[in-house]
């Protein structure tokens, strides 16, 4: 993520789910409080796009 809601300098968050209302659930290693909140997808995309690096704005990891 780039500077904004989640960080002042940039770090990774995990998108861990989506609510029935379409809000995004995150796991933010820098904030337990933010990890308990719900966010609009537009906010996530806009802040991720600004700081896209390390191979892209999003990584998909599964087993």
Protein backbone atom coordinates (compact mmCIF):
# COMPACT_ATOMS: atom_id res chain seq x y z
CA UNK A 1 0.00 0.00 0.00
CA UNK A 2 1.14 3.52 -0.67
CA UNK A 3 0.86 6.44 1.74
CA UNK A 4 -2.74 6.82 2.86
CA UNK A 5 -5.19 5.01 5.12
CA UNK A 6 -2.91 2.10 5.97
CA UNK A 7 0.58 3.60 6.11
CA UNK A 8 2.72 6.73 6.02
CA UNK A 9 5.49 5.07 4.03
CA UNK A 10 4.19 1.82 2.54
CA UNK A 11 3.71 -1.80 3.58
CA UNK A 12 1.78 -4.95 2.76
CA UNK A 13 -1.71 -5.86 3.93
CA UNK A 14 -3.68 -9.04 3.31
CA UNK A 15 -7.19 -8.90 1.83
CA UNK A 16 -8.77 -11.63 3.91
CA UNK A 17 -12.43 -11.53 2.94
CA UNK A 18 -15.47 -9.70 1.70
CA UNK A 19 -18.70 -9.02 3.55
CA UNK A 20 -22.19 -9.65 2.18
CA UNK A 21 -22.39 -5.86 1.67
CA UNK A 22 -19.26 -5.90 -0.51
CA UNK A 23 -16.86 -4.39 2.03
CA UNK A 24 -13.27 -5.65 2.15
CA UNK A 25 -11.78 -7.22 5.28
CA UNK A 26 -8.04 -6.79 5.73
CA UNK A 27 -5.29 -8.16 7.94
CA UNK A 28 -3.01 -5.19 8.59
CA UNK A 29 0.19 -6.16 10.45
CA UNK A 30 0.64 -2.53 11.52
CA UNK A 31 -2.81 -2.11 13.08
CA UNK A 32 -5.10 -4.48 14.95
CA UNK A 33 -7.76 -1.74 14.84
CA UNK A 34 -7.73 -1.54 11.02
CA UNK A 35 -7.77 -5.33 10.86
CA UNK A 36 -11.19 -5.22 12.56
CA UNK A 37 -12.65 -2.60 10.16
CA UNK A 38 -14.36 -2.93 6.78
CA UNK A 39 -13.23 -0.92 3.73
CA UNK A 40 -14.59 0.07 0.34
CA UNK A 41 -12.91 -1.71 -2.57
CA UNK A 42 -12.30 1.66 -4.28
CA UNK A 43 -10.12 2.80 -1.37
CA UNK A 44 -8.07 -0.41 -1.50
CA UNK A 45 -7.55 -0.24 -5.27
CA UNK A 46 -6.67 3.47 -5.34
CA UNK A 47 -4.11 3.24 -2.54
CA UNK A 48 -2.59 0.02 -3.91
CA UNK A 49 -2.29 1.45 -7.41
CA UNK A 50 -0.26 4.48 -6.23
CA UNK A 51 2.46 2.33 -4.70
CA UNK A 52 2.51 -0.65 -7.05
CA UNK A 53 5.91 -2.25 -6.80
CA UNK A 54 7.45 -5.56 -5.80
CA UNK A 55 5.88 -7.28 -8.80
CA UNK A 56 2.54 -5.46 -8.86
CA UNK A 57 -0.17 -4.00 -6.72
CA UNK A 58 -1.68 -7.38 -5.81
CA UNK A 59 -0.35 -10.90 -5.31
CA UNK A 60 -2.62 -13.94 -5.22
CA UNK A 61 -1.52 -16.67 -2.84
CA UNK A 62 -3.33 -19.95 -2.32
CA UNK A 63 -2.67 -23.60 -1.66
